[in-house]
N, C-alpha and C. Protein backbone atom coordinates (compact mmCIF):
# COMPACT_ATOMS: atom_id res chain seq x y z
N MET A 1 18.81 15.64 33.16
CA MET A 1 18.11 16.37 31.85
C MET A 1 17.10 15.29 31.18
N ILE A 2 15.99 15.74 30.87
CA ILE A 2 15.03 14.98 30.23
C ILE A 2 15.20 15.05 28.82
N PHE A 3 15.37 13.77 28.33
CA PHE A 3 15.89 13.78 26.66
C PHE A 3 14.43 13.07 26.04
N ILE A 4 14.33 13.84 24.94
CA ILE A 4 12.84 13.33 24.30
C ILE A 4 13.67 12.88 22.90
N PRO A 5 13.63 11.60 22.45
CA PRO A 5 14.22 11.20 21.22
C PRO A 5 13.67 11.93 20.15
N PHE A 6 14.49 11.89 18.97
CA PHE A 6 14.07 12.37 17.58
C PHE A 6 13.05 11.83 17.02
N GLU A 7 11.96 12.77 16.58
CA GLU A 7 10.84 12.59 15.95
C GLU A 7 10.31 13.44 14.86
N ILE A 8 9.73 13.00 13.85
CA ILE A 8 9.47 13.84 12.76
C ILE A 8 7.86 14.14 12.71
N LYS A 9 7.87 15.67 12.80
CA LYS A 9 6.32 15.93 12.85
C LYS A 9 6.11 17.14 11.86
N SER A 10 4.91 17.50 11.55
CA SER A 10 4.41 18.56 11.01
C SER A 10 5.08 19.86 11.63
N GLY A 11 5.08 21.03 10.78
CA GLY A 11 5.48 22.35 11.52
C GLY A 11 4.44 22.81 12.65
N PHE A 12 3.09 22.63 12.44
CA PHE A 12 2.29 22.66 13.54
C PHE A 12 2.31 22.22 14.86
N GLU A 13 2.60 20.77 14.43
CA GLU A 13 2.94 19.82 15.68
C GLU A 13 4.06 20.21 16.20
N ASN A 14 5.42 20.63 15.70
CA ASN A 14 6.40 20.71 16.30
C ASN A 14 6.46 21.95 17.06
N MET A 15 5.73 23.02 16.55
CA MET A 15 5.78 24.20 17.49
C MET A 15 4.85 23.89 18.73
N GLN A 16 3.75 23.13 18.59
CA GLN A 16 2.82 23.09 19.48
C GLN A 16 3.29 22.29 20.69
N LYS A 17 4.24 21.06 20.24
CA LYS A 17 5.02 20.46 21.23
C LYS A 17 5.85 21.19 22.03
N ASP A 18 6.87 21.81 21.21
CA ASP A 18 7.79 22.87 22.17
C ASP A 18 6.91 23.89 22.94
N ALA A 19 5.85 24.41 22.41
CA ALA A 19 5.23 25.29 23.41
C ALA A 19 4.47 24.43 24.60
N GLY A 20 4.08 23.30 24.48
CA GLY A 20 3.58 22.39 25.30
C GLY A 20 4.69 22.11 26.62
N LEU A 21 5.83 21.87 25.92
CA LEU A 21 6.90 21.39 26.86
C LEU A 21 7.16 22.73 28.02
N LEU A 22 7.18 23.76 27.30
CA LEU A 22 7.30 24.85 28.15
C LEU A 22 6.20 25.19 29.10
N GLU A 23 5.00 25.16 28.80
CA GLU A 23 3.88 25.36 29.68
C GLU A 23 3.92 24.37 30.68
N LYS A 24 4.15 23.22 30.15
CA LYS A 24 4.08 22.05 31.31
C LYS A 24 5.29 22.28 32.53
N SER A 25 6.30 22.80 31.82
CA SER A 25 7.48 23.14 32.95
C SER A 25 7.00 24.03 33.78
N ILE A 26 6.49 25.33 33.44
CA ILE A 26 5.89 26.42 34.05
C ILE A 26 4.79 25.73 35.24
N GLU A 27 3.97 24.91 34.67
CA GLU A 27 2.84 24.57 35.57
C GLU A 27 3.22 23.52 36.80
N THR A 28 4.18 22.87 36.35
CA THR A 28 4.76 21.88 37.31
C THR A 28 5.98 22.34 38.14
N GLY A 29 6.44 23.47 37.67
CA GLY A 29 7.88 23.83 38.41
C GLY A 29 8.88 22.92 38.26
N CYS A 30 8.94 22.37 36.96
CA CYS A 30 9.92 21.51 36.65
C CYS A 30 11.24 22.09 36.63
N LYS A 31 12.30 21.23 37.25
CA LYS A 31 13.62 21.97 37.62
C LYS A 31 14.51 21.40 36.62
N ASP A 32 14.14 20.24 36.00
CA ASP A 32 15.06 19.59 35.06
C ASP A 32 15.11 19.99 33.74
N PRO A 33 16.18 20.50 32.91
CA PRO A 33 16.11 20.80 31.55
C PRO A 33 15.47 19.92 30.52
N ILE A 34 14.83 20.28 29.76
CA ILE A 34 14.18 19.26 28.88
C ILE A 34 14.84 19.25 27.29
N PHE A 35 15.40 18.34 26.88
CA PHE A 35 16.24 18.45 25.42
C PHE A 35 15.62 17.64 24.60
N ARG A 36 15.05 18.18 23.48
CA ARG A 36 14.57 17.52 22.26
C ARG A 36 15.00 17.63 21.10
N LEU A 37 14.88 16.51 20.20
CA LEU A 37 15.71 16.38 19.01
C LEU A 37 14.35 15.94 17.86
N TYR A 38 14.09 16.82 16.84
CA TYR A 38 13.31 16.68 15.73
C TYR A 38 13.62 16.97 14.34
N GLY A 39 12.59 16.54 13.64
CA GLY A 39 12.62 16.72 12.15
C GLY A 39 11.32 17.20 11.58
N TRP A 40 11.02 17.50 10.55
CA TRP A 40 9.76 18.20 9.85
C TRP A 40 9.37 17.55 8.54
N SER A 41 8.04 17.37 8.45
CA SER A 41 7.57 16.80 7.21
C SER A 41 5.90 17.23 7.34
N PRO A 42 5.61 17.96 6.40
CA PRO A 42 6.67 18.22 5.16
C PRO A 42 7.45 19.50 5.62
N ALA A 43 8.34 19.87 4.65
CA ALA A 43 9.17 21.07 4.79
C ALA A 43 8.39 22.10 5.31
N CYS A 44 8.85 23.14 6.14
CA CYS A 44 8.16 24.20 6.63
C CYS A 44 8.90 25.52 6.68
N VAL A 45 8.33 26.56 6.59
CA VAL A 45 8.87 27.96 6.75
C VAL A 45 8.43 28.21 8.25
N SER A 46 9.42 28.88 9.18
CA SER A 46 8.90 29.15 10.42
C SER A 46 9.18 30.54 10.57
N LEU A 47 8.33 31.37 10.97
CA LEU A 47 8.45 32.80 11.11
C LEU A 47 8.70 33.35 12.32
N GLY A 48 9.66 34.27 12.43
CA GLY A 48 10.07 34.58 14.15
C GLY A 48 8.52 35.27 14.65
N ARG A 49 8.59 35.40 16.06
CA ARG A 49 7.26 35.82 16.66
C ARG A 49 7.01 37.07 16.14
N ASN A 50 7.62 38.01 15.77
CA ASN A 50 7.19 39.39 15.34
C ASN A 50 7.68 39.54 13.82
N GLN A 51 8.02 38.83 13.29
CA GLN A 51 8.47 39.01 11.97
C GLN A 51 7.51 39.15 10.99
N LYS A 52 7.51 40.35 9.85
CA LYS A 52 6.54 40.49 8.98
C LYS A 52 6.35 39.17 8.11
N SER A 53 5.34 39.00 7.30
CA SER A 53 5.53 37.95 6.33
C SER A 53 5.37 38.18 5.09
N ASP A 54 5.28 39.45 4.67
CA ASP A 54 5.03 39.93 3.35
C ASP A 54 5.80 39.42 2.27
N PHE A 55 6.89 38.81 2.64
CA PHE A 55 7.74 38.35 1.66
C PHE A 55 7.18 36.71 1.08
N ILE A 56 6.34 36.30 1.94
CA ILE A 56 5.83 34.92 1.77
C ILE A 56 5.03 34.86 0.33
N ASP A 57 5.47 34.14 -0.50
CA ASP A 57 4.52 33.72 -1.62
C ASP A 57 3.83 32.42 -1.28
N GLU A 58 2.63 32.57 -0.85
CA GLU A 58 1.84 31.53 -0.41
C GLU A 58 1.59 30.40 -1.49
N GLU A 59 1.58 31.03 -2.71
CA GLU A 59 0.92 29.98 -3.76
C GLU A 59 2.34 29.06 -4.12
N PHE A 60 3.51 29.89 -4.05
CA PHE A 60 4.79 29.06 -4.32
C PHE A 60 5.06 27.99 -3.44
N LEU A 61 4.85 28.28 -1.90
CA LEU A 61 4.93 27.33 -1.12
C LEU A 61 3.89 26.21 -1.23
N LYS A 62 2.89 26.58 -1.40
CA LYS A 62 1.93 25.47 -1.59
C LYS A 62 1.86 24.82 -2.47
N SER A 63 2.49 25.04 -3.95
CA SER A 63 2.89 24.36 -5.10
C SER A 63 4.13 23.43 -4.71
N ASN A 64 4.90 23.86 -3.78
CA ASN A 64 5.89 23.04 -3.40
C ASN A 64 5.95 22.38 -2.24
N LYS A 65 4.55 22.20 -1.66
CA LYS A 65 4.28 21.43 -0.51
C LYS A 65 5.15 21.83 0.59
N ILE A 66 5.13 23.13 1.10
CA ILE A 66 5.78 23.63 2.05
C ILE A 66 4.75 24.50 2.99
N ASP A 67 4.99 23.98 4.10
CA ASP A 67 3.90 24.56 5.18
C ASP A 67 4.69 25.84 5.79
N VAL A 68 3.75 26.64 6.35
CA VAL A 68 4.29 27.88 6.95
C VAL A 68 3.67 27.94 8.47
N VAL A 69 4.44 28.26 9.39
CA VAL A 69 4.03 28.16 10.97
C VAL A 69 4.86 29.47 11.60
N ARG A 70 4.23 29.89 12.62
CA ARG A 70 5.03 31.07 13.54
C ARG A 70 5.24 30.48 14.73
N ARG A 71 6.63 31.11 14.97
CA ARG A 71 7.36 30.31 16.32
C ARG A 71 6.85 31.42 17.54
N LEU A 72 6.97 30.77 18.57
CA LEU A 72 7.26 31.59 19.99
C LEU A 72 8.13 32.44 20.09
N THR A 73 9.21 31.98 19.36
CA THR A 73 10.68 32.61 19.61
C THR A 73 10.69 33.92 18.53
N GLY A 74 11.63 34.83 18.91
CA GLY A 74 11.93 35.84 17.80
C GLY A 74 12.85 35.47 16.69
N GLY A 75 13.52 36.36 16.26
CA GLY A 75 14.25 36.22 15.05
C GLY A 75 13.46 36.21 13.44
N ARG A 76 14.18 35.92 12.63
CA ARG A 76 13.74 35.72 11.29
C ARG A 76 13.50 34.46 10.88
N ALA A 77 13.12 34.10 9.47
CA ALA A 77 12.41 33.14 8.93
C ALA A 77 13.50 31.84 8.78
N LEU A 78 12.88 30.80 8.89
CA LEU A 78 14.02 29.29 8.49
C LEU A 78 13.19 28.72 7.65
N LEU A 79 13.90 28.04 6.74
CA LEU A 79 13.34 26.82 6.03
C LEU A 79 13.71 25.51 6.73
N HIS A 80 12.71 24.96 7.17
CA HIS A 80 13.04 23.53 7.90
C HIS A 80 12.96 22.58 6.95
N ASP A 81 13.92 22.02 6.35
CA ASP A 81 13.86 20.87 5.41
C ASP A 81 14.94 19.79 5.74
N ASP A 82 15.97 19.80 5.26
CA ASP A 82 17.29 18.97 5.60
C ASP A 82 17.99 19.40 6.73
N GLU A 83 17.25 19.11 7.88
CA GLU A 83 18.23 19.58 9.03
C GLU A 83 17.55 18.76 10.18
N ILE A 84 18.20 19.07 11.31
CA ILE A 84 17.78 18.50 12.53
C ILE A 84 17.60 19.60 13.64
N THR A 85 16.35 19.70 13.89
CA THR A 85 16.25 20.80 14.92
C THR A 85 16.23 20.55 16.55
N TYR A 86 16.55 21.26 17.38
CA TYR A 86 16.56 20.90 18.82
C TYR A 86 15.43 22.02 19.45
N SER A 87 15.41 21.49 20.49
CA SER A 87 14.35 22.46 21.61
C SER A 87 15.26 22.06 23.01
N TYR A 88 15.32 23.35 23.91
CA TYR A 88 15.52 23.06 25.11
C TYR A 88 14.88 24.02 25.97
N VAL A 89 14.37 23.34 26.84
CA VAL A 89 13.48 24.09 28.03
C VAL A 89 14.00 23.91 29.31
N CYS A 90 14.32 24.94 30.03
CA CYS A 90 14.76 24.98 31.65
C CYS A 90 14.41 26.19 32.48
N PRO A 91 14.21 26.15 33.71
CA PRO A 91 14.22 27.46 34.35
C PRO A 91 15.45 28.26 34.20
N VAL A 92 15.22 29.42 34.23
CA VAL A 92 16.28 30.35 34.29
C VAL A 92 17.50 30.18 35.42
N SER A 93 16.96 29.69 36.52
CA SER A 93 18.01 29.26 37.63
C SER A 93 18.59 28.15 37.47
N ALA A 94 18.39 27.34 36.22
CA ALA A 94 19.16 26.02 36.15
C ALA A 94 20.45 26.52 35.45
N LEU A 95 20.47 27.63 34.86
CA LEU A 95 21.79 28.30 34.18
C LEU A 95 22.38 29.15 35.05
N GLU A 96 23.82 29.12 34.91
CA GLU A 96 24.83 29.97 35.65
C GLU A 96 24.44 31.53 35.53
N HIS A 97 24.18 31.88 34.14
CA HIS A 97 24.06 33.12 33.94
C HIS A 97 22.64 33.17 33.31
N GLY A 98 21.51 32.51 33.73
CA GLY A 98 20.20 32.57 33.15
C GLY A 98 19.58 33.76 32.68
N GLU A 99 19.93 34.67 33.50
CA GLU A 99 19.11 36.11 33.52
C GLU A 99 19.70 36.96 32.34
N ASN A 100 21.00 36.52 31.92
CA ASN A 100 21.58 37.21 30.98
C ASN A 100 21.23 36.70 29.58
N VAL A 101 20.58 37.25 28.69
CA VAL A 101 20.31 36.30 27.36
C VAL A 101 21.40 35.91 26.60
N THR A 102 22.45 36.55 26.30
CA THR A 102 23.70 36.20 25.54
C THR A 102 24.23 35.33 26.22
N GLN A 103 24.45 35.39 27.51
CA GLN A 103 25.17 34.47 28.28
C GLN A 103 24.31 32.94 28.42
N SER A 104 23.07 33.12 28.38
CA SER A 104 22.31 31.97 28.54
C SER A 104 22.30 31.19 27.25
N TYR A 105 22.41 31.74 25.92
CA TYR A 105 22.48 31.30 24.84
C TYR A 105 23.84 30.46 24.84
N LYS A 106 24.99 31.08 25.19
CA LYS A 106 26.16 30.56 25.13
C LYS A 106 26.23 29.08 26.20
N GLU A 107 25.67 29.27 27.15
CA GLU A 107 25.70 28.01 28.08
C GLU A 107 24.67 26.89 27.58
N ILE A 108 23.63 27.14 26.88
CA ILE A 108 22.98 26.11 26.25
C ILE A 108 23.83 25.51 25.10
N SER A 109 24.20 26.68 24.18
CA SER A 109 25.01 26.19 22.97
C SER A 109 26.35 25.26 23.49
N GLN A 110 26.95 25.42 24.47
CA GLN A 110 28.13 24.65 24.83
C GLN A 110 27.71 23.22 24.89
N ILE A 111 26.68 22.74 24.97
CA ILE A 111 26.04 21.46 24.74
C ILE A 111 26.46 21.03 23.60
N PHE A 112 26.23 21.82 22.19
CA PHE A 112 26.66 21.44 20.86
C PHE A 112 28.20 21.46 20.48
N ILE A 113 28.68 22.43 21.09
CA ILE A 113 30.21 22.50 21.04
C ILE A 113 30.92 21.22 21.34
N ASP A 114 30.55 20.79 22.75
CA ASP A 114 31.21 19.60 23.32
C ASP A 114 30.62 18.44 22.44
N LYS A 115 29.27 18.35 21.91
CA LYS A 115 28.81 17.11 21.31
C LYS A 115 29.41 16.73 20.24
N PHE A 116 29.57 17.92 19.24
CA PHE A 116 30.02 17.95 17.87
C PHE A 116 31.60 17.52 17.73
N LYS A 117 32.41 17.75 18.85
CA LYS A 117 33.71 17.50 18.92
C LYS A 117 33.79 15.91 18.79
N LYS A 118 32.70 15.25 19.35
CA LYS A 118 32.99 13.72 19.03
C LYS A 118 32.92 13.44 17.42
N LEU A 119 32.29 14.33 16.77
CA LEU A 119 32.18 14.00 15.25
C LEU A 119 33.41 14.43 14.40
N GLY A 120 34.35 15.19 15.18
CA GLY A 120 35.63 15.87 14.75
C GLY A 120 35.16 17.13 14.28
N ILE A 121 34.11 17.88 14.58
CA ILE A 121 33.74 19.15 14.30
C ILE A 121 33.75 20.03 15.30
N ASN A 122 34.72 21.18 15.39
CA ASN A 122 35.23 22.15 16.14
C ASN A 122 34.26 23.54 15.90
N LEU A 123 33.36 23.50 16.99
CA LEU A 123 32.27 24.86 16.71
C LEU A 123 32.90 25.97 17.41
N GLU A 124 32.53 27.17 17.13
CA GLU A 124 32.74 28.32 17.78
C GLU A 124 31.74 29.45 17.71
N PHE A 125 31.59 30.33 18.55
CA PHE A 125 30.78 31.30 18.61
C PHE A 125 30.99 32.45 17.70
N GLY A 126 30.32 33.18 17.03
CA GLY A 126 30.57 34.15 16.08
C GLY A 126 29.74 33.88 14.84
N GLY A 127 30.49 34.60 13.62
CA GLY A 127 29.95 34.44 12.54
C GLY A 127 30.19 35.92 11.72
N LYS A 128 30.05 35.74 10.70
CA LYS A 128 30.02 37.12 9.50
C LYS A 128 28.90 38.13 10.24
N PRO A 129 29.49 39.39 10.35
CA PRO A 129 28.12 40.21 10.97
C PRO A 129 27.27 40.64 9.63
N ALA A 130 25.73 40.57 10.05
CA ALA A 130 24.94 40.77 9.09
C ALA A 130 25.15 42.36 8.58
N ARG A 131 24.93 42.46 7.21
CA ARG A 131 24.63 44.06 6.67
C ARG A 131 23.57 44.07 5.96
N GLY A 132 22.82 44.82 6.16
CA GLY A 132 21.36 45.06 5.64
C GLY A 132 20.24 44.09 6.47
N HIS A 133 19.15 44.14 5.80
CA HIS A 133 17.95 43.44 6.09
C HIS A 133 17.92 42.12 5.81
N PHE A 134 17.78 40.97 6.12
CA PHE A 134 17.57 39.65 5.66
C PHE A 134 16.34 38.96 6.25
N ASP A 135 15.67 38.41 5.45
CA ASP A 135 14.21 37.61 5.92
C ASP A 135 14.71 36.22 6.46
N TYR A 136 15.86 35.64 5.64
CA TYR A 136 16.43 34.39 5.98
C TYR A 136 17.44 34.33 7.43
N CYS A 137 16.84 33.76 8.16
CA CYS A 137 17.49 33.78 9.73
C CYS A 137 19.13 33.57 9.59
N MET A 138 19.49 32.54 8.77
CA MET A 138 20.70 32.06 8.83
C MET A 138 21.75 32.91 8.19
N LEU A 139 21.33 33.93 7.51
CA LEU A 139 22.15 35.15 6.92
C LEU A 139 22.35 36.28 8.19
N THR A 140 21.70 36.17 9.22
CA THR A 140 22.07 37.00 10.27
C THR A 140 23.02 36.38 11.34
N SER A 141 23.73 37.18 12.10
CA SER A 141 24.85 36.79 13.03
C SER A 141 24.66 37.30 14.18
N THR A 142 24.54 36.49 15.42
CA THR A 142 24.91 37.19 16.60
C THR A 142 26.17 36.44 16.97
N GLY A 143 26.78 36.97 18.32
CA GLY A 143 27.65 36.38 19.11
C GLY A 143 27.43 35.09 19.66
N ALA A 144 26.16 34.68 19.75
CA ALA A 144 25.72 33.52 20.33
C ALA A 144 25.55 32.59 19.26
N ASP A 145 25.70 32.63 17.87
CA ASP A 145 25.48 31.71 16.98
C ASP A 145 26.72 30.75 16.96
N LEU A 146 26.38 29.74 16.42
CA LEU A 146 27.46 28.46 16.46
C LEU A 146 28.00 28.18 15.03
N CYS A 147 29.18 28.43 14.75
CA CYS A 147 29.85 28.44 13.43
C CYS A 147 31.00 27.35 13.31
N TYR A 148 31.25 26.95 12.34
CA TYR A 148 32.22 26.34 11.63
C TYR A 148 33.28 26.92 10.75
N ASN A 149 34.44 27.19 11.24
CA ASN A 149 35.39 28.26 10.06
C ASN A 149 34.66 29.35 9.84
N GLY A 150 34.00 30.23 10.83
CA GLY A 150 33.32 31.58 10.62
C GLY A 150 32.04 31.50 9.73
N LYS A 151 31.59 30.19 9.56
CA LYS A 151 30.49 29.99 8.77
C LYS A 151 29.14 29.56 9.85
N LYS A 152 28.06 30.03 9.61
CA LYS A 152 26.96 29.81 10.62
C LYS A 152 26.58 28.31 10.22
N LEU A 153 26.35 27.53 11.20
CA LEU A 153 25.93 26.14 11.24
C LEU A 153 24.59 25.78 11.91
N ILE A 154 24.70 26.56 13.00
CA ILE A 154 23.44 26.42 14.06
C ILE A 154 22.72 27.68 14.42
N GLY A 155 21.80 28.12 14.11
CA GLY A 155 21.18 29.45 14.43
C GLY A 155 19.85 28.91 15.29
N SER A 156 19.84 29.67 16.50
CA SER A 156 18.86 29.66 17.70
C SER A 156 18.06 30.81 17.91
N ALA A 157 17.13 30.56 18.48
CA ALA A 157 16.38 31.56 19.23
C ALA A 157 15.63 31.43 20.45
N GLN A 158 15.41 32.13 21.37
CA GLN A 158 14.79 32.13 22.42
C GLN A 158 13.32 32.91 22.79
N PHE A 159 12.71 32.29 23.65
CA PHE A 159 11.54 32.95 24.17
C PHE A 159 11.31 32.68 25.89
N ARG A 160 11.11 33.72 26.38
CA ARG A 160 11.08 33.31 27.90
C ARG A 160 9.79 33.73 28.53
N LYS A 161 9.35 32.89 29.66
CA LYS A 161 7.87 33.04 30.07
C LYS A 161 8.15 32.54 31.62
N GLU A 162 7.61 33.47 32.62
CA GLU A 162 7.41 33.27 34.03
C GLU A 162 8.79 32.34 34.47
N GLY A 163 10.02 33.09 34.19
CA GLY A 163 10.86 32.35 34.69
C GLY A 163 11.59 31.49 34.19
N TYR A 164 11.21 30.96 32.83
CA TYR A 164 11.57 29.56 31.95
C TYR A 164 12.04 30.03 30.87
N ILE A 165 12.97 29.38 30.17
CA ILE A 165 13.59 29.72 28.72
C ILE A 165 13.05 28.39 27.80
N LEU A 166 12.77 28.63 26.77
CA LEU A 166 12.61 27.74 25.67
C LEU A 166 13.69 28.45 24.55
N GLN A 167 14.63 27.43 24.10
CA GLN A 167 15.39 28.05 23.34
C GLN A 167 15.40 26.68 22.16
N HIS A 168 15.25 27.01 20.91
CA HIS A 168 15.31 26.09 19.81
C HIS A 168 15.88 26.39 18.66
N GLY A 169 16.46 25.64 17.86
CA GLY A 169 17.49 26.20 16.69
C GLY A 169 17.52 25.01 15.72
N SER A 170 18.28 25.52 14.51
CA SER A 170 18.28 24.43 13.30
C SER A 170 19.68 24.23 13.19
N ILE A 171 20.17 22.75 13.10
CA ILE A 171 21.44 22.23 12.73
C ILE A 171 21.27 21.99 11.15
N LEU A 172 21.74 22.69 10.38
CA LEU A 172 21.86 22.60 8.85
C LEU A 172 22.44 21.07 8.51
N TYR A 173 21.85 20.36 8.08
CA TYR A 173 22.35 18.90 7.44
C TYR A 173 22.66 19.30 5.80
N ASP A 174 21.84 19.83 5.12
CA ASP A 174 22.12 20.48 3.59
C ASP A 174 21.21 21.61 3.68
N TYR A 175 21.46 22.32 2.37
CA TYR A 175 20.61 23.12 2.05
C TYR A 175 20.54 23.42 0.52
N ASN A 176 19.23 23.90 0.03
CA ASN A 176 19.13 23.97 -1.24
C ASN A 176 19.13 25.54 -1.53
N ARG A 177 20.03 26.09 -2.20
CA ARG A 177 20.43 27.46 -2.46
C ARG A 177 19.31 27.88 -3.36
N GLU A 178 18.94 27.19 -4.35
CA GLU A 178 17.98 27.99 -5.41
C GLU A 178 16.66 27.97 -4.77
N LEU A 179 16.34 27.03 -3.78
CA LEU A 179 15.00 27.00 -3.37
C LEU A 179 14.94 28.12 -2.41
N LEU A 180 16.03 28.24 -1.38
CA LEU A 180 16.04 29.34 -0.46
C LEU A 180 15.86 30.70 -1.07
N GLU A 181 16.55 30.95 -2.26
CA GLU A 181 16.33 32.08 -2.91
C GLU A 181 15.18 32.17 -3.50
N LYS A 182 14.44 31.39 -3.73
CA LYS A 182 13.09 31.71 -4.42
C LYS A 182 11.99 31.93 -3.30
N ILE A 183 12.26 31.19 -2.12
CA ILE A 183 11.35 31.44 -1.16
C ILE A 183 11.60 32.85 -0.34
N PHE A 184 12.88 33.23 -0.33
CA PHE A 184 13.28 34.44 0.71
C PHE A 184 13.47 35.50 -0.23
N LYS A 185 13.53 35.46 -1.68
CA LYS A 185 13.62 36.38 -2.42
C LYS A 185 14.94 37.34 -2.36
N GLU A 186 16.01 36.70 -2.03
CA GLU A 186 17.26 37.29 -1.74
C GLU A 186 18.44 36.67 -1.80
N HIS A 187 19.56 37.19 -2.42
CA HIS A 187 20.90 36.47 -2.43
C HIS A 187 21.18 35.66 -1.22
N ILE A 188 21.41 34.10 -1.45
CA ILE A 188 21.87 33.45 -0.22
C ILE A 188 23.49 33.32 -0.24
N ASP A 189 24.04 34.11 0.47
CA ASP A 189 25.47 34.24 0.53
C ASP A 189 26.33 32.74 1.12
N THR A 190 26.54 32.04 0.40
CA THR A 190 26.98 30.74 0.97
C THR A 190 28.13 30.82 1.70
N SER A 191 29.17 31.85 1.59
CA SER A 191 30.30 32.36 2.34
C SER A 191 29.81 32.40 4.06
N ALA A 192 28.60 32.59 3.92
CA ALA A 192 28.13 33.09 5.44
C ALA A 192 27.61 31.76 6.20
N ILE A 193 27.17 30.63 5.31
CA ILE A 193 26.55 29.49 6.07
C ILE A 193 27.40 28.44 5.59
N THR A 194 26.94 27.41 6.41
CA THR A 194 27.64 26.02 5.92
C THR A 194 26.63 24.94 6.47
N CYS A 195 26.93 23.51 5.95
CA CYS A 195 26.05 22.43 6.62
C CYS A 195 27.02 21.38 6.98
N ILE A 196 26.20 20.20 7.52
CA ILE A 196 27.04 19.10 7.88
C ILE A 196 27.67 18.32 6.51
N LYS A 197 26.81 18.30 5.58
CA LYS A 197 27.28 17.71 4.35
C LYS A 197 28.50 18.38 3.65
N GLU A 198 28.56 19.70 3.88
CA GLU A 198 29.67 20.42 3.44
C GLU A 198 30.87 19.97 4.28
N ILE A 199 30.84 19.99 5.52
CA ILE A 199 31.93 19.79 6.49
C ILE A 199 32.58 18.60 6.18
N ASN A 200 31.57 17.51 6.37
CA ASN A 200 31.95 16.01 6.34
C ASN A 200 30.61 15.32 5.65
N PRO A 201 30.86 14.91 4.37
CA PRO A 201 29.75 14.25 3.79
C PRO A 201 29.39 12.59 4.49
N ASN A 202 30.27 12.18 4.91
CA ASN A 202 30.16 10.99 5.49
C ASN A 202 29.16 11.04 6.76
N ILE A 203 29.14 12.06 7.34
CA ILE A 203 28.28 12.05 8.55
C ILE A 203 26.78 12.14 8.26
N THR A 204 26.20 11.04 8.92
CA THR A 204 24.70 10.83 8.50
C THR A 204 24.04 11.53 9.75
N LYS A 205 22.76 11.87 9.45
CA LYS A 205 21.77 12.39 10.27
C LYS A 205 21.82 11.40 11.61
N ASP A 206 21.84 10.11 11.71
CA ASP A 206 21.75 9.28 12.48
C ASP A 206 23.18 9.37 13.49
N ASP A 207 24.21 9.77 12.72
CA ASP A 207 25.37 10.08 13.64
C ASP A 207 25.10 11.28 14.65
N ILE A 208 24.69 12.24 14.12
CA ILE A 208 24.28 13.40 14.52
C ILE A 208 23.27 13.16 16.07
N ILE A 209 22.28 12.38 15.55
CA ILE A 209 21.15 11.96 16.68
C ILE A 209 21.98 11.03 17.73
N GLU A 210 22.69 10.16 17.34
CA GLU A 210 23.39 9.38 18.17
C GLU A 210 24.11 10.11 19.51
N ILE A 211 24.98 11.20 18.88
CA ILE A 211 25.76 11.72 20.03
C ILE A 211 25.14 12.57 21.01
N PHE A 212 23.74 12.92 20.74
CA PHE A 212 22.95 13.47 21.77
C PHE A 212 22.11 12.41 22.72
N THR A 213 22.15 11.29 22.17
CA THR A 213 21.04 10.13 22.61
C THR A 213 21.87 9.54 23.87
N PRO A 214 21.40 9.98 25.16
CA PRO A 214 21.98 9.18 26.44
C PRO A 214 22.04 7.97 26.34
N GLU A 215 23.01 7.47 26.86
CA GLU A 215 23.21 5.76 26.78
C GLU A 215 22.24 5.15 27.94
N LEU A 216 21.84 4.06 27.61
CA LEU A 216 21.16 3.46 28.58
C LEU A 216 21.72 2.86 29.90
């Protein structure tokens, strides 16, 4: 696996880099999965590939120095702020069940289940089923989401092109409920989500980055 160390970029740069990794893999026929970790500066709302943006208050985001980008992947919007984001690019053939969307999510997500055990965090698939429409992605759940005690911690999305998969997702380190509610104009049910600081406030972002960084 090719590992790209943690880096902080703008929303546009992050989405451009993920798209570039996918295109380069297709162009070169790369067989090795590529795993990348990154952060965002400034904070940024990313919209799903086909998601409507009518809920966005551009003036509010601008006044709070929050960018907006659109992802290649589907799903609903996320606020990328106090989190660690990952991307994973691989050919469908690199996975045992790559042709099956749900199973491929689970195969890739198994990386996080295994790694977070090193921090004493036991993750499982699932979460509370979504009821009604939500613009904030973390309030929706699928069988491929990664949860801690039934609360969603890692939300992921996929895009496929020419036999390759781009999967990326957000690992919530902390969140600001008041800010989320102002951005998405909906009640944030904190019984449905969690973050690293709630699970164990002694775990730092560096601790998380370290468990994914290959030993030299």
